[in-house]
Amino acid sequence: MFTNIWNAVLYHPLINALAFLVSIVPGGDVGLAVIILTIIVKLILFPLSQKSIESQAAMAILAPELNKIKASGVSKEEQAKQTFELYKRHKTNPFSGCLLVLIQIPIIFALYYVFYKGINFDSGVLYSFVHVPAKINMIFLGFLDLGGKSIFLAVLAGISQYLQAHFMPKTPPKTSTAMPSFTESFTKSMGTQMKYVFPFVVAFISYSISGVVALYWIISNLFAVGQQIYVQKTEKKRLAEEAKTLNS
């Protein structure tokens, strides 16, 4: 049952889209088709990921104000009240990105699964109006074999993953001497692993499977980096304007 839903809703549409793109790009270049498909999916998910990144950026920017509330010495109830008022004043919901991230995960995994299984357009999974491409060129840019292992693309995938983690919204360091909470310590630990450990994991997986998976990861991460930089700039500007309005 689950497999049928997975195939009908996610896998089959994506593999058919890839087959169609391969059939129309010059020379049946799979690399170009993968880039186009990855960008299309990221654009479809853009409104969802945008909300998630905006929420993270807003939380990072408001962190100094939240630290002031925690260090004020007032009761837990008063801290909760002031925190809620701070979120309300800046029109920020710390939980708004959670559901949106969960919605994206199956789609991202399905896209990854398309490339993980390899570029094999079996007519049994193609729609009646989508034909098996007449030419399938796995040599990207004339020298990168996407069907085999590519240490070059694997390294680039790891670097792009590092950049993606580097540009994620960060909470400013605490100025108080109070012991960090479990949540704060866990978040810091996860951030460190995402930045310094996960890129090696991505590079290893990319090399172990194929160049096409590495290419997908590179394009996906670079798209995310651009989106994160854009959101952080716009969110900082929005909160600054709101603060100016509230203080005037």
C-alpha atoms as a PDB file:
ATOM      1  CA  MET A   1       0.000   0.000   0.000  1.00  0.00           C
ATOM      2  CA  PHE A   2       2.690   2.478   1.060  1.00  0.00           C
ATOM      3  CA  THR A   3       4.871   1.493  -1.901  1.00  0.00           C
ATOM      4  CA  ASN A   4       2.011   2.095  -4.325  1.00  0.00           C
ATOM      5  CA  ILE A   5       1.347   5.563  -2.883  1.00  0.00           C
ATOM      6  CA  TRP A   6       5.080   6.392  -2.880  1.00  0.00           C
ATOM      7  CA  ASN A   7       5.413   5.386  -6.536  1.00  0.00           C
ATOM      8  CA  ALA A   8       2.204   7.052  -7.726  1.00  0.00           C
ATOM      9  CA  VAL A   9       2.645  10.365  -5.882  1.00  0.00           C
ATOM     10  CA  LEU A  10       6.410  10.852  -5.824  1.00  0.00           C
ATOM     11  CA  TYR A  11       8.705   8.400  -7.602  1.00  0.00           C
ATOM     12  CA  HIS A  12       6.861   7.941 -10.909  1.00  0.00           C
ATOM     13  CA  PRO A  13       6.237  11.682 -11.500  1.00  0.00           C
ATOM     14  CA  LEU A  14       9.901  12.469 -10.842  1.00  0.00           C
ATOM     15  CA  ILE A  15      11.347   9.663 -12.991  1.00  0.00           C
ATOM     16  CA  ASN A  16       8.966  10.641 -15.811  1.00  0.00           C
ATOM     17  CA  ALA A  17       9.990  14.280 -15.498  1.00  0.00           C
ATOM     18  CA  LEU A  18      13.643  13.252 -15.710  1.00  0.00           C
ATOM     19  CA  ALA A  19      12.993  11.075 -18.776  1.00  0.00           C
ATOM     20  CA  PHE A  20      11.177  13.954 -20.469  1.00  0.00           C
ATOM     21  CA  LEU A  21      14.013  16.381 -19.698  1.00  0.00           C
ATOM     22  CA  VAL A  22      16.668  13.974 -20.988  1.00  0.00           C
ATOM     23  CA  SER A  23      14.698  13.645 -24.227  1.00  0.00           C
ATOM     24  CA  ILE A  24      14.617  17.421 -24.835  1.00  0.00           C
ATOM     25  CA  VAL A  25      18.021  18.658 -23.616  1.00  0.00           C
ATOM     26  CA  PRO A  26      20.775  18.857 -26.269  1.00  0.00           C
ATOM     27  CA  GLY A  27      22.510  15.535 -26.814  1.00  0.00           C
ATOM     28  CA  GLY A  28      20.427  13.766 -24.157  1.00  0.00           C
ATOM     29  CA  ASP A  29      22.794  15.151 -21.505  1.00  0.00           C
ATOM     30  CA  VAL A  30      21.731  13.556 -18.218  1.00  0.00           C
ATOM     31  CA  GLY A  31      23.772  16.091 -16.242  1.00  0.00           C
ATOM     32  CA  LEU A  32      21.788  19.017 -17.664  1.00  0.00           C
ATOM     33  CA  ALA A  33      18.528  17.153 -17.081  1.00  0.00           C
ATOM     34  CA  VAL A  34      19.459  16.461 -13.437  1.00  0.00           C
ATOM     35  CA  ILE A  35      20.331  20.129 -12.874  1.00  0.00           C
ATOM     36  CA  ILE A  36      17.054  21.308 -14.425  1.00  0.00           C
ATOM     37  CA  LEU A  37      14.946  18.769 -12.483  1.00  0.00           C
ATOM     38  CA  THR A  38      16.656  19.613  -9.182  1.00  0.00           C
ATOM     39  CA  ILE A  39      16.060  23.337  -9.715  1.00  0.00           C
ATOM     40  CA  ILE A  40      12.408  22.743 -10.693  1.00  0.00           C
ATOM     41  CA  VAL A  41      11.786  20.720  -7.517  1.00  0.00           C
ATOM     42  CA  LYS A  42      13.573  23.333  -5.371  1.00  0.00           C
ATOM     43  CA  LEU A  43      11.437  26.077  -6.944  1.00  0.00           C
ATOM     44  CA  ILE A  44       8.261  24.095  -6.211  1.00  0.00           C
ATOM     45  CA  LEU A  45       9.392  23.697  -2.600  1.00  0.00           C
ATOM     46  CA  PHE A  46      10.598  27.294  -2.421  1.00  0.00           C
ATOM     47  CA  PRO A  47       7.580  28.739  -0.531  1.00  0.00           C
ATOM     48  CA  LEU A  48       7.834  25.983   2.099  1.00  0.00           C
ATOM     49  CA  SER A  49      11.596  26.150   2.583  1.00  0.00           C
ATOM     50  CA  GLN A  50      11.398  29.953   2.537  1.00  0.00           C
ATOM     51  CA  LYS A  51       9.095  29.973   5.569  1.00  0.00           C
ATOM     52  CA  SER A  52      11.347  27.535   7.391  1.00  0.00           C
ATOM     53  CA  ILE A  53      14.522  29.552   6.761  1.00  0.00           C
ATOM     54  CA  GLU A  54      12.742  32.815   7.625  1.00  0.00           C
ATOM     55  CA  SER A  55      11.720  31.317  10.969  1.00  0.00           C
ATOM     56  CA  GLN A  56      15.311  30.205  11.670  1.00  0.00           C
ATOM     57  CA  ALA A  57      16.713  33.580  10.656  1.00  0.00           C
ATOM     58  CA  ALA A  58      14.209  35.470  12.812  1.00  0.00           C
ATOM     59  CA  MET A  59      15.003  33.284  15.824  1.00  0.00           C
ATOM     60  CA  ALA A  60      18.730  33.894  15.348  1.00  0.00           C
ATOM     61  CA  ILE A  61      18.253  37.651  15.088  1.00  0.00           C
ATOM     62  CA  LEU A  62      15.966  37.760  18.138  1.00  0.00           C
ATOM     63  CA  ALA A  63      18.323  35.590  20.214  1.00  0.00           C
ATOM     64  CA  PRO A  64      19.888  38.560  22.099  1.00  0.00           C
ATOM     65  CA  GLU A  65      16.415  39.730  23.179  1.00  0.00           C
ATOM     66  CA  LEU A  66      15.514  36.194  24.266  1.00  0.00           C
ATOM     67  CA  ASN A  67      18.755  35.968  26.276  1.00  0.00           C
ATOM     68  CA  LYS A  68      17.878  39.242  28.017  1.00  0.00           C
ATOM     69  CA  ILE A  69      14.505  37.818  29.045  1.00  0.00           C
ATOM     70  CA  LYS A  70      16.148  34.650  30.404  1.00  0.00           C
ATOM     71  CA  ALA A  71      18.745  36.695  32.323  1.00  0.00           C
ATOM     72  CA  SER A  72      16.162  39.093  33.773  1.00  0.00           C
ATOM     73  CA  GLY A  73      15.550  36.886  36.810  1.00  0.00           C
ATOM     74  CA  VAL A  74      11.759  36.987  36.510  1.00  0.00           C
ATOM     75  CA  SER A  75       9.631  33.900  37.044  1.00  0.00           C
ATOM     76  CA  LYS A  76       9.229  31.206  34.376  1.00  0.00           C
ATOM     77  CA  GLU A  77       5.650  32.328  33.783  1.00  0.00           C
ATOM     78  CA  GLU A  78       6.752  35.935  33.236  1.00  0.00           C
ATOM     79  CA  GLN A  79       9.563  34.781  30.932  1.00  0.00           C
ATOM     80  CA  ALA A  80       7.067  32.812  28.859  1.00  0.00           C
ATOM     81  CA  LYS A  81       4.763  35.825  28.706  1.00  0.00           C
ATOM     82  CA  GLN A  82       7.541  38.203  27.616  1.00  0.00           C
ATOM     83  CA  THR A  83       8.818  35.687  25.058  1.00  0.00           C
ATOM     84  CA  PHE A  84       5.344  35.298  23.577  1.00  0.00           C
ATOM     85  CA  GLU A  85       4.949  39.083  23.406  1.00  0.00           C
ATOM     86  CA  LEU A  86       8.351  39.362  21.672  1.00  0.00           C
ATOM     87  CA  TYR A  87       7.317  36.813  19.023  1.00  0.00           C
ATOM     88  CA  LYS A  88       3.958  38.519  18.592  1.00  0.00           C
ATOM     89  CA  ARG A  89       5.525  41.972  18.307  1.00  0.00           C
ATOM     90  CA  HIS A  90       7.849  40.804  15.534  1.00  0.00           C
ATOM     91  CA  LYS A  91       5.252  38.520  13.910  1.00  0.00           C
ATOM     92  CA  THR A  92       7.485  35.478  14.388  1.00  0.00           C
ATOM     93  CA  ASN A  93       6.393  31.915  15.107  1.00  0.00           C
ATOM     94  CA  PRO A  94       9.274  29.644  16.205  1.00  0.00           C
ATOM     95  CA  PHE A  95       7.269  26.551  15.231  1.00  0.00           C
ATOM     96  CA  SER A  96       6.139  27.704  11.799  1.00  0.00           C
ATOM     97  CA  GLY A  97       9.012  25.999   9.989  1.00  0.00           C
ATOM     98  CA  CYS A  98       8.660  22.555  11.599  1.00  0.00           C
ATOM     99  CA  LEU A  99       5.615  21.322   9.683  1.00  0.00           C
ATOM    100  CA  LEU A 100       6.934  22.826   6.469  1.00  0.00           C
ATOM    101  CA  VAL A 101      10.207  20.922   6.829  1.00  0.00           C
ATOM    102  CA  LEU A 102       8.314  17.667   7.425  1.00  0.00           C
ATOM    103  CA  ILE A 103       6.305  18.214   4.233  1.00  0.00           C
ATOM    104  CA  GLN A 104       9.489  18.665   2.203  1.00  0.00           C
ATOM    105  CA  ILE A 105      11.275  15.559   3.467  1.00  0.00           C
ATOM    106  CA  PRO A 106       9.356  12.901   1.435  1.00  0.00           C
ATOM    107  CA  ILE A 107       9.760  14.921  -1.770  1.00  0.00           C
ATOM    108  CA  ILE A 108      13.489  15.403  -1.223  1.00  0.00           C
ATOM    109  CA  PHE A 109      13.946  11.695  -0.450  1.00  0.00           C
ATOM    110  CA  ALA A 110      11.973  10.745  -3.569  1.00  0.00           C
ATOM    111  CA  LEU A 111      14.181  12.947  -5.731  1.00  0.00           C
ATOM    112  CA  TYR A 112      17.269  11.416  -4.137  1.00  0.00           C
ATOM    113  CA  TYR A 113      15.804   7.914  -4.700  1.00  0.00           C
ATOM    114  CA  VAL A 114      15.365   8.647  -8.408  1.00  0.00           C
ATOM    115  CA  PHE A 115      19.087   9.293  -8.736  1.00  0.00           C
ATOM    116  CA  TYR A 116      20.046   6.552  -6.262  1.00  0.00           C
ATOM    117  CA  LYS A 117      18.380   3.845  -8.361  1.00  0.00           C
ATOM    118  CA  GLY A 118      20.347   4.970 -11.392  1.00  0.00           C
ATOM    119  CA  ILE A 119      19.255   6.394 -14.708  1.00  0.00           C
ATOM    120  CA  ASN A 120      17.344   3.436 -16.069  1.00  0.00           C
ATOM    121  CA  PHE A 121      14.195   4.474 -17.890  1.00  0.00           C
ATOM    122  CA  ASP A 122      12.165   1.296 -17.842  1.00  0.00           C
ATOM    123  CA  SER A 123       9.134   1.766 -20.073  1.00  0.00           C
ATOM    124  CA  GLY A 124       7.077   0.091 -17.353  1.00  0.00           C
ATOM    125  CA  VAL A 125       7.348   3.171 -15.104  1.00  0.00           C
ATOM    126  CA  LEU A 126       6.927   5.785 -17.829  1.00  0.00           C
ATOM    127  CA  TYR A 127       3.590   7.356 -18.623  1.00  0.00           C
ATOM    128  CA  SER A 128       2.044   6.649 -22.012  1.00  0.00           C
ATOM    129  CA  PHE A 129       2.875  10.160 -23.242  1.00  0.00           C
ATOM    130  CA  VAL A 130       6.512  10.002 -22.064  1.00  0.00           C
ATOM    131  CA  HIS A 131       8.885   7.999 -24.239  1.00  0.00           C
ATOM    132  CA  VAL A 132      12.236   6.455 -23.433  1.00  0.00           C
ATOM    133  CA  PRO A 133      14.821   9.047 -24.546  1.00  0.00           C
ATOM    134  CA  ALA A 134      16.402   8.224 -27.888  1.00  0.00           C
ATOM    135  CA  LYS A 135      19.821   9.185 -26.529  1.00  0.00           C
ATOM    136  CA  ILE A 136      21.089   9.042 -22.956  1.00  0.00           C
ATOM    137  CA  ASN A 137      24.456  10.741 -22.475  1.00  0.00           C
ATOM    138  CA  MET A 138      25.965  10.069 -19.047  1.00  0.00           C
ATOM    139  CA  ILE A 139      29.157  12.047 -19.766  1.00  0.00           C
ATOM    140  CA  PHE A 140      28.559  15.501 -18.272  1.00  0.00           C
ATOM    141  CA  LEU A 141      30.607  18.408 -19.640  1.00  0.00           C
ATOM    142  CA  GLY A 142      32.432  15.972 -21.871  1.00  0.00           C
ATOM    143  CA  PHE A 143      34.544  14.333 -19.147  1.00  0.00           C
ATOM    144  CA  LEU A 144      32.499  13.580 -15.996  1.00  0.00           C
ATOM    145  CA  ASP A 145      30.926  10.107 -16.027  1.00  0.00           C
ATOM    146  CA  LEU A 146      27.736  10.420 -13.996  1.00  0.00           C
ATOM    147  CA  GLY A 147      27.045   6.707 -14.193  1.00  0.00           C
ATOM    148  CA  GLY A 148      30.192   5.800 -12.266  1.00  0.00           C
ATOM    149  CA  LYS A 149      31.997   7.045  -9.194  1.00  0.00           C
ATOM    150  CA  SER A 150      33.481  10.543  -9.370  1.00  0.00           C
ATOM    151  CA  ILE A 151      35.870  11.678  -6.660  1.00  0.00           C
ATOM    152  CA  PHE A 152      35.785  15.188  -8.160  1.00  0.00           C
ATOM    153  CA  LEU A 153      31.996  15.517  -7.872  1.00  0.00           C
ATOM    154  CA  ALA A 154      32.016  13.805  -4.458  1.00  0.00           C
ATOM    155  CA  VAL A 155      34.469  16.391  -3.101  1.00  0.00           C
ATOM    156  CA  LEU A 156      32.372  19.206  -4.574  1.00  0.00           C
ATOM    157  CA  ALA A 157      29.269  17.693  -2.950  1.00  0.00           C
ATOM    158  CA  GLY A 158      31.035  17.720   0.429  1.00  0.00           C
ATOM    159  CA  ILE A 159      32.179  21.322  -0.050  1.00  0.00           C
ATOM    160  CA  SER A 160      28.679  22.427  -1.065  1.00  0.00           C
ATOM    161  CA  GLN A 161      27.272  20.722   2.046  1.00  0.00           C
ATOM    162  CA  TYR A 162      29.772  22.621   4.210  1.00  0.00           C
ATOM    163  CA  LEU A 163      28.716  25.907   2.575  1.00  0.00           C
ATOM    164  CA  GLN A 164      25.058  25.067   3.106  1.00  0.00           C
ATOM    165  CA  ALA A 165      25.697  24.516   6.839  1.00  0.00           C
ATOM    166  CA  HIS A 166      27.973  27.574   7.040  1.00  0.00           C
ATOM    167  CA  PHE A 167      25.273  29.939   5.749  1.00  0.00           C
ATOM    168  CA  MET A 168      22.488  28.576   7.934  1.00  0.00           C
ATOM    169  CA  PRO A 169      21.104  31.206  10.338  1.00  0.00           C
ATOM    170  CA  LYS A 170      23.214  31.140  13.513  1.00  0.00           C
ATOM    171  CA  THR A 171      22.324  32.138  17.035  1.00  0.00           C
ATOM    172  CA  PRO A 172      24.756  34.775  18.358  1.00  0.00           C
ATOM    173  CA  PRO A 173      26.993  33.555  21.220  1.00  0.00           C
ATOM    174  CA  LYS A 174      25.641  34.094  24.721  1.00  0.00           C
ATOM    175  CA  THR A 175      27.210  36.900  26.698  1.00  0.00           C
ATOM    176  CA  SER A 176      26.037  35.643  30.082  1.00  0.00           C
ATOM    177  CA  THR A 177      28.053  33.217  32.215  1.00  0.00           C
ATOM    178  CA  ALA A 178      25.062  31.020  32.990  1.00  0.00           C
ATOM    179  CA  MET A 179      25.325  27.330  32.129  1.00  0.00           C
ATOM    180  CA  PRO A 180      23.699  26.588  28.763  1.00  0.00           C
ATOM    181  CA  SER A 181      20.530  24.535  28.823  1.00  0.00           C
ATOM    182  CA  PHE A 182      20.343  21.013  27.395  1.00  0.00           C
ATOM    183  CA  THR A 183      18.490  22.355  24.339  1.00  0.00           C
ATOM    184  CA  GLU A 184      21.148  25.005  23.707  1.00  0.00           C
ATOM    185  CA  SER A 185      23.975  22.489  24.106  1.00  0.00           C
ATOM    186  CA  PHE A 186      22.251  19.974  21.849  1.00  0.00           C
ATOM    187  CA  THR A 187      21.571  22.613  19.188  1.00  0.00           C
ATOM    188  CA  LYS A 188      25.202  23.763  19.265  1.00  0.00           C
ATOM    189  CA  SER A 189      26.434  20.161  19.015  1.00  0.00           C
ATOM    190  CA  MET A 190      24.143  19.418  16.075  1.00  0.00           C
ATOM    191  CA  GLY A 191      25.248  22.602  14.325  1.00  0.00           C
ATOM    192  CA  THR A 192      28.903  21.632  14.708  1.00  0.00           C
ATOM    193  CA  GLN A 193      28.283  18.145  13.333  1.00  0.00           C
ATOM    194  CA  MET A 194      26.253  19.496  10.408  1.00  0.00           C
ATOM    195  CA  LYS A 195      29.090  21.856   9.517  1.00  0.00           C
ATOM    196  CA  TYR A 196      32.172  19.719  10.085  1.00  0.00           C
ATOM    197  CA  VAL A 197      31.061  16.063  10.013  1.00  0.00           C
ATOM    198  CA  PHE A 198      28.092  15.816   7.634  1.00  0.00           C
ATOM    199  CA  PRO A 199      30.051  17.165   4.603  1.00  0.00           C
ATOM    200  CA  PHE A 200      32.361  14.128   4.857  1.00  0.00           C
ATOM    201  CA  VAL A 201      29.305  11.857   5.094  1.00  0.00           C
ATOM    202  CA  VAL A 202      27.796  13.481   1.991  1.00  0.00           C
ATOM    203  CA  ALA A 203      31.086  13.179   0.094  1.00  0.00           C
ATOM    204  CA  PHE A 204      31.404   9.504   1.055  1.00  0.00           C
ATOM    205  CA  ILE A 205      27.819   8.663   0.066  1.00  0.00           C
ATOM    206  CA  SER A 206      28.138  10.602  -3.189  1.00  0.00           C
ATOM    207  CA  TYR A 207      31.314   8.740  -4.123  1.00  0.00           C
ATOM    208  CA  SER A 208      29.917   5.355  -3.059  1.00  0.00           C
ATOM    209  CA  ILE A 209      26.800   5.604  -5.235  1.00  0.00           C
ATOM    210  CA  SER A 210      27.395   7.577  -8.432  1.00  0.00           C
ATOM    211  CA  GLY A 211      28.276  10.925  -9.935  1.00  0.00           C
ATOM    212  CA  VAL A 212      24.623  11.700 -10.618  1.00  0.00           C
ATOM    213  CA  VAL A 213      23.833  11.643  -6.886  1.00  0.00           C
ATOM    214  CA  ALA A 214      26.798  13.934  -6.241  1.00  0.00           C
ATOM    215  CA  LEU A 215      25.600  16.358  -8.924  1.00  0.00           C
ATOM    216  CA  TYR A 216      22.100  16.423  -7.424  1.00  0.00           C
ATOM    217  CA  TRP A 217      23.556  17.191  -3.986  1.00  0.00           C
ATOM    218  CA  ILE A 218      25.773  19.968  -5.356  1.00  0.00           C
ATOM    219  CA  ILE A 219      22.932  21.767  -7.156  1.00  0.00           C
ATOM    220  CA  SER A 220      20.530  21.302  -4.232  1.00  0.00           C
ATOM    221  CA  ASN A 221      23.031  22.702  -1.722  1.00  0.00           C
ATOM    222  CA  LEU A 222      24.041  25.662  -3.901  1.00  0.00           C
ATOM    223  CA  PHE A 223      20.369  26.548  -4.357  1.00  0.00           C
ATOM    224  CA  ALA A 224      19.891  26.372  -0.574  1.00  0.00           C
ATOM    225  CA  VAL A 225      22.944  28.595   0.024  1.00  0.00           C
ATOM    226  CA  GLY A 226      21.561  31.296  -2.276  1.00  0.00           C
ATOM    227  CA  GLN A 227      18.170  31.079  -0.593  1.00  0.00           C
ATOM    228  CA  GLN A 228      19.681  31.295   2.907  1.00  0.00           C
ATOM    229  CA  ILE A 229      21.761  34.368   2.056  1.00  0.00           C
ATOM    230  CA  TYR A 230      18.723  36.069   0.541  1.00  0.00           C
ATOM    231  CA  VAL A 231      16.442  35.243   3.490  1.00  0.00           C
ATOM    232  CA  GLN A 232      18.919  36.385   6.141  1.00  0.00           C
ATOM    233  CA  LYS A 233      19.328  39.763   4.458  1.00  0.00           C
ATOM    234  CA  THR A 234      15.603  40.332   3.939  1.00  0.00           C
ATOM    235  CA  GLU A 235      14.619  39.019   7.395  1.00  0.00           C
ATOM    236  CA  LYS A 236      17.171  41.212   9.172  1.00  0.00           C
ATOM    237  CA  LYS A 237      15.889  44.217   7.239  1.00  0.00           C
ATOM    238  CA  ARG A 238      12.251  43.347   8.042  1.00  0.00           C
ATOM    239  CA  LEU A 239      12.860  42.979  11.773  1.00  0.00           C
ATOM    240  CA  ALA A 240      14.912  46.186  11.879  1.00  0.00           C
ATOM    241  CA  GLU A 241      12.087  48.111  10.204  1.00  0.00           C
ATOM    242  CA  GLU A 242       9.524  46.607  12.603  1.00  0.00           C
ATOM    243  CA  ALA A 243      11.674  47.544  15.602  1.00  0.00           C
ATOM    244  CA  LYS A 244      12.055  51.097  14.277  1.00  0.00           C
ATOM    245  CA  THR A 245       8.270  51.369  13.842  1.00  0.00           C
ATOM    246  CA  LEU A 246       7.581  50.024  17.334  1.00  0.00           C
ATOM    247  CA  ASN A 247      10.112  52.394  18.951  1.00  0.00           C
ATOM    248  CA  SER A 248       8.968  55.511  17.075  1.00  0.00           C
END
